[in-house]
PDB file of N, CA and C in Angstrom:
ATOM      1  N   MET A   1     -46.752 124.507 -66.607  1.00  0.00           N
ATOM      2  CA  MET A   1     -45.575 124.816 -65.830  1.00  0.00           C
ATOM      3  C   MET A   1     -44.622 125.605 -66.724  1.00  0.00           C
ATOM      4  N   GLY A   2     -44.050 126.645 -66.148  1.00  0.00           N
ATOM      5  CA  GLY A   2     -43.057 127.418 -66.865  1.00  0.00           C
ATOM      6  C   GLY A   2     -41.876 127.721 -65.966  1.00  0.00           C
ATOM      7  N   TRP A   3     -40.723 127.783 -66.570  1.00  0.00           N
ATOM      8  CA  TRP A   3     -39.498 128.127 -65.849  1.00  0.00           C
ATOM      9  C   TRP A   3     -38.991 129.461 -66.353  1.00  0.00           C
ATOM     10  N   LEU A   4     -38.594 130.315 -65.443  1.00  0.00           N
ATOM     11  CA  LEU A   4     -37.859 131.526 -65.779  1.00  0.00           C
ATOM     12  C   LEU A   4     -36.480 131.357 -65.153  1.00  0.00           C
ATOM     13  N   ILE A   5     -35.454 131.321 -65.990  1.00  0.00           N
ATOM     14  CA  ILE A   5     -34.089 131.079 -65.526  1.00  0.00           C
ATOM     15  C   ILE A   5     -33.357 132.408 -65.432  1.00  0.00           C
ATOM     16  N   ASP A   6     -32.876 132.734 -64.232  1.00  0.00           N
ATOM     17  CA  ASP A   6     -32.128 133.963 -63.999  1.00  0.00           C
ATOM     18  C   ASP A   6     -30.653 133.605 -63.825  1.00  0.00           C
ATOM     19  N   PRO A   7     -29.857 133.761 -64.893  1.00  0.00           N
ATOM     20  CA  PRO A   7     -28.452 133.353 -64.802  1.00  0.00           C
ATOM     21  C   PRO A   7     -27.613 134.227 -63.874  1.00  0.00           C
ATOM     22  N   ASP A   8     -27.989 135.495 -63.703  1.00  0.00           N
ATOM     23  CA  ASP A   8     -27.219 136.370 -62.814  1.00  0.00           C
ATOM     24  C   ASP A   8     -27.327 135.933 -61.358  1.00  0.00           C
ATOM     25  N   ASP A   9     -28.531 135.574 -60.930  1.00  0.00           N
ATOM     26  CA  ASP A   9     -28.754 135.125 -59.550  1.00  0.00           C
ATOM     27  C   ASP A   9     -28.663 133.605 -59.409  1.00  0.00           C
ATOM     28  N   ARG A  10     -28.480 132.920 -60.539  1.00  0.00           N
ATOM     29  CA  ARG A  10     -28.465 131.457 -60.557  1.00  0.00           C
ATOM     30  C   ARG A  10     -29.702 130.916 -59.846  1.00  0.00           C
ATOM     31  N   ALA A  11     -30.847 131.401 -60.292  1.00  0.00           N
ATOM     32  CA  ALA A  11     -32.126 131.008 -59.709  1.00  0.00           C
ATOM     33  C   ALA A  11     -33.091 130.616 -60.827  1.00  0.00           C
ATOM     34  N   ILE A  12     -34.005 129.731 -60.484  1.00  0.00           N
ATOM     35  CA  ILE A  12     -35.056 129.325 -61.401  1.00  0.00           C
ATOM     36  C   ILE A  12     -36.382 129.579 -60.710  1.00  0.00           C
ATOM     37  N   PHE A  13     -37.242 130.311 -61.391  1.00  0.00           N
ATOM     38  CA  PHE A  13     -38.581 130.597 -60.899  1.00  0.00           C
ATOM     39  C   PHE A  13     -39.532 129.649 -61.615  1.00  0.00           C
ATOM     40  N   ILE A  14     -40.329 128.915 -60.840  1.00  0.00           N
ATOM     41  CA  ILE A  14     -41.249 127.940 -61.401  1.00  0.00           C
ATOM     42  C   ILE A  14     -42.668 128.503 -61.285  1.00  0.00           C
ATOM     43  N   TYR A  15     -43.341 128.555 -62.416  1.00  0.00           N
ATOM     44  CA  TYR A  15     -44.713 129.051 -62.483  1.00  0.00           C
ATOM     45  C   TYR A  15     -45.632 127.892 -62.838  1.00  0.00           C
ATOM     46  N   ARG A  16     -46.693 127.734 -62.030  1.00  0.00           N
ATOM     47  CA  ARG A  16     -47.701 126.696 -62.275  1.00  0.00           C
ATOM     48  C   ARG A  16     -49.076 127.335 -62.141  1.00  0.00           C
ATOM     49  N   PRO A  17     -50.047 126.841 -62.890  1.00  0.00           N
ATOM     50  CA  PRO A  17     -51.394 127.406 -62.805  1.00  0.00           C
ATOM     51  C   PRO A  17     -51.949 127.338 -61.380  1.00  0.00           C
ATOM     52  N   LYS A  18     -52.514 128.439 -60.959  1.00  0.00           N
ATOM     53  CA  LYS A  18     -53.226 128.533 -59.669  1.00  0.00           C
ATOM     54  C   LYS A  18     -52.343 128.221 -58.464  1.00  0.00           C
ATOM     55  N   GLN A  19     -51.033 128.434 -58.596  1.00  0.00           N
ATOM     56  CA  GLN A  19     -50.117 128.235 -57.471  1.00  0.00           C
ATOM     57  C   GLN A  19     -49.169 129.422 -57.392  1.00  0.00           C
ATOM     58  N   GLU A  20     -48.630 129.628 -56.217  1.00  0.00           N
ATOM     59  CA  GLU A  20     -47.647 130.691 -56.060  1.00  0.00           C
ATOM     60  C   GLU A  20     -46.348 130.309 -56.750  1.00  0.00           C
ATOM     61  N   THR A  21     -45.626 131.308 -57.197  1.00  0.00           N
ATOM     62  CA  THR A  21     -44.341 131.089 -57.833  1.00  0.00           C
ATOM     63  C   THR A  21     -43.356 130.520 -56.816  1.00  0.00           C
ATOM     64  N   GLU A  22     -42.605 129.508 -57.246  1.00  0.00           N
ATOM     65  CA  GLU A  22     -41.575 128.918 -56.395  1.00  0.00           C
ATOM     66  C   GLU A  22     -40.210 129.357 -56.912  1.00  0.00           C
ATOM     67  N   VAL A  23     -39.284 129.591 -55.984  1.00  0.00           N
ATOM     68  CA  VAL A  23     -37.930 129.989 -56.352  1.00  0.00           C
ATOM     69  C   VAL A  23     -36.973 128.875 -55.937  1.00  0.00           C
ATOM     70  N   PHE A  24     -36.161 128.443 -56.879  1.00  0.00           N
ATOM     71  CA  PHE A  24     -35.154 127.416 -56.633  1.00  0.00           C
ATOM     72  C   PHE A  24     -33.799 128.067 -56.848  1.00  0.00           C
ATOM     73  N   ASP A  25     -33.050 128.242 -55.759  1.00  0.00           N
ATOM     74  CA  ASP A  25     -31.759 128.924 -55.860  1.00  0.00           C
ATOM     75  C   ASP A  25     -30.647 128.236 -55.071  1.00  0.00           C
ATOM     76  N   GLU A  26     -30.932 127.075 -54.536  1.00  0.00           N
ATOM     77  CA  GLU A  26     -29.920 126.277 -53.839  1.00  0.00           C
ATOM     78  C   GLU A  26     -29.419 125.204 -54.792  1.00  0.00           C
ATOM     79  N   PRO A  27     -28.094 125.021 -54.909  1.00  0.00           N
ATOM     80  CA  PRO A  27     -27.541 124.098 -55.900  1.00  0.00           C
ATOM     81  C   PRO A  27     -28.091 122.673 -55.862  1.00  0.00           C
ATOM     82  N   ASP A  28     -28.406 122.163 -54.686  1.00  0.00           N
ATOM     83  CA  ASP A  28     -28.861 120.774 -54.572  1.00  0.00           C
ATOM     84  C   ASP A  28     -30.364 120.597 -54.668  1.00  0.00           C
ATOM     85  N   GLN A  29     -31.102 121.687 -54.842  1.00  0.00           N
ATOM     86  CA  GLN A  29     -32.551 121.567 -54.971  1.00  0.00           C
ATOM     87  C   GLN A  29     -32.896 120.845 -56.266  1.00  0.00           C
ATOM     88  N   VAL A  30     -33.785 119.871 -56.169  1.00  0.00           N
ATOM     89  CA  VAL A  30     -34.250 119.146 -57.348  1.00  0.00           C
ATOM     90  C   VAL A  30     -35.409 119.924 -57.951  1.00  0.00           C
ATOM     91  N   LEU A  31     -35.305 120.183 -59.249  1.00  0.00           N
ATOM     92  CA  LEU A  31     -36.315 120.971 -59.933  1.00  0.00           C
ATOM     93  C   LEU A  31     -37.541 120.126 -60.274  1.00  0.00           C
ATOM     94  N   PRO A  32     -38.732 120.700 -60.130  1.00  0.00           N
ATOM     95  CA  PRO A  32     -39.929 119.986 -60.566  1.00  0.00           C
ATOM     96  C   PRO A  32     -39.951 119.960 -62.094  1.00  0.00           C
ATOM     97  N   ILE A  33     -40.384 118.853 -62.641  1.00  0.00           N
ATOM     98  CA  ILE A  33     -40.418 118.689 -64.081  1.00  0.00           C
ATOM     99  C   ILE A  33     -41.779 118.142 -64.499  1.00  0.00           C
ATOM    100  N   PRO A  34     -42.151 118.310 -65.764  1.00  0.00           N
ATOM    101  CA  PRO A  34     -43.434 117.774 -66.222  1.00  0.00           C
ATOM    102  C   PRO A  34     -43.497 116.255 -66.073  1.00  0.00           C
ATOM    103  N   VAL A  35     -44.700 115.740 -65.958  1.00  0.00           N
ATOM    104  CA  VAL A  35     -44.927 114.308 -65.734  1.00  0.00           C
ATOM    105  C   VAL A  35     -44.272 113.457 -66.819  1.00  0.00           C
ATOM    106  N   PHE A  36     -44.290 113.913 -68.059  1.00  0.00           N
ATOM    107  CA  PHE A  36     -43.761 113.090 -69.144  1.00  0.00           C
ATOM    108  C   PHE A  36     -42.234 112.967 -69.117  1.00  0.00           C
ATOM    109  N   THR A  37     -41.559 113.668 -68.212  1.00  0.00           N
ATOM    110  CA  THR A  37     -40.097 113.581 -68.105  1.00  0.00           C
ATOM    111  C   THR A  37     -39.669 113.098 -66.721  1.00  0.00           C
ATOM    112  N   LYS A  38     -40.467 112.310 -66.075  1.00  0.00           N
ATOM    113  CA  LYS A  38     -40.198 111.871 -64.697  1.00  0.00           C
ATOM    114  C   LYS A  38     -38.884 111.119 -64.525  1.00  0.00           C
ATOM    115  N   GLU A  39     -38.312 110.607 -65.594  1.00  0.00           N
ATOM    116  CA  GLU A  39     -37.065 109.862 -65.462  1.00  0.00           C
ATOM    117  C   GLU A  39     -35.863 110.784 -65.292  1.00  0.00           C
ATOM    118  N   ILE A  40     -36.056 112.076 -65.483  1.00  0.00           N
ATOM    119  CA  ILE A  40     -34.966 113.042 -65.367  1.00  0.00           C
ATOM    120  C   ILE A  40     -34.912 113.564 -63.934  1.00  0.00           C
ATOM    121  N   ASN A  41     -33.720 113.593 -63.365  1.00  0.00           N
ATOM    122  CA  ASN A  41     -33.512 114.167 -62.040  1.00  0.00           C
ATOM    123  C   ASN A  41     -32.560 115.346 -62.237  1.00  0.00           C
ATOM    124  N   LEU A  42     -33.074 116.556 -62.167  1.00  0.00           N
ATOM    125  CA  LEU A  42     -32.310 117.742 -62.494  1.00  0.00           C
ATOM    126  C   LEU A  42     -32.257 118.676 -61.293  1.00  0.00           C
ATOM    127  N   THR A  43     -31.042 119.065 -60.911  1.00  0.00           N
ATOM    128  CA  THR A  43     -30.883 120.016 -59.814  1.00  0.00           C
ATOM    129  C   THR A  43     -30.555 121.394 -60.383  1.00  0.00           C
ATOM    130  N   VAL A  44     -30.617 122.398 -59.534  1.00  0.00           N
ATOM    131  CA  VAL A  44     -30.261 123.759 -59.924  1.00  0.00           C
ATOM    132  C   VAL A  44     -28.824 123.770 -60.453  1.00  0.00           C
ATOM    133  N   LYS A  45     -27.918 123.129 -59.755  1.00  0.00           N
ATOM    134  CA  LYS A  45     -26.509 123.083 -60.175  1.00  0.00           C
ATOM    135  C   LYS A  45     -26.363 122.404 -61.531  1.00  0.00           C
ATOM    136  N   ASN A  46     -27.041 121.259 -61.727  1.00  0.00           N
ATOM    137  CA  ASN A  46     -26.964 120.557 -63.011  1.00  0.00           C
ATOM    138  C   ASN A  46     -27.386 121.465 -64.164  1.00  0.00           C
ATOM    139  N   LEU A  47     -28.470 122.181 -63.970  1.00  0.00           N
ATOM    140  CA  LEU A  47     -28.984 123.052 -65.024  1.00  0.00           C
ATOM    141  C   LEU A  47     -28.001 124.152 -65.370  1.00  0.00           C
ATOM    142  N   PHE A  48     -27.458 124.841 -64.380  1.00  0.00           N
ATOM    143  CA  PHE A  48     -26.537 125.938 -64.655  1.00  0.00           C
ATOM    144  C   PHE A  48     -25.193 125.435 -65.190  1.00  0.00           C
ATOM    145  N   ASP A  49     -24.741 124.274 -64.751  1.00  0.00           N
ATOM    146  CA  ASP A  49     -23.526 123.691 -65.316  1.00  0.00           C
ATOM    147  C   ASP A  49     -23.737 123.386 -66.800  1.00  0.00           C
ATOM    148  N   TRP A  50     -24.868 122.820 -67.126  1.00  0.00           N
ATOM    149  CA  TRP A  50     -25.188 122.476 -68.510  1.00  0.00           C
ATOM    150  C   TRP A  50     -25.291 123.737 -69.370  1.00  0.00           C
ATOM    151  N   LEU A  51     -25.929 124.778 -68.857  1.00  0.00           N
ATOM    152  CA  LEU A  51     -26.088 126.015 -69.618  1.00  0.00           C
ATOM    153  C   LEU A  51     -24.779 126.765 -69.819  1.00  0.00           C
ATOM    154  N   SER A  52     -23.838 126.592 -68.906  1.00  0.00           N
ATOM    155  CA  SER A  52     -22.579 127.340 -69.004  1.00  0.00           C
ATOM    156  C   SER A  52     -21.532 126.628 -69.858  1.00  0.00           C
ATOM    157  N   GLU A  53     -21.830 125.430 -70.346  1.00  0.00           N
ATOM    158  CA  GLU A  53     -20.862 124.707 -71.198  1.00  0.00           C
ATOM    159  C   GLU A  53     -20.706 125.376 -72.539  1.00  0.00           C
TER     160      GLU A  53
END
């Protein structure tokens, strides 16, 4: 899984093997995360707020 973060559009593109790219651009969308971090609940808004600090 890979994330491409576009700060201008405030969008995150999620890349996974053998799947189509997903776009997350709504503030309340919960981002998919790797299995080993399942305890984290991260939304698009949370990520951009954290990055802009």
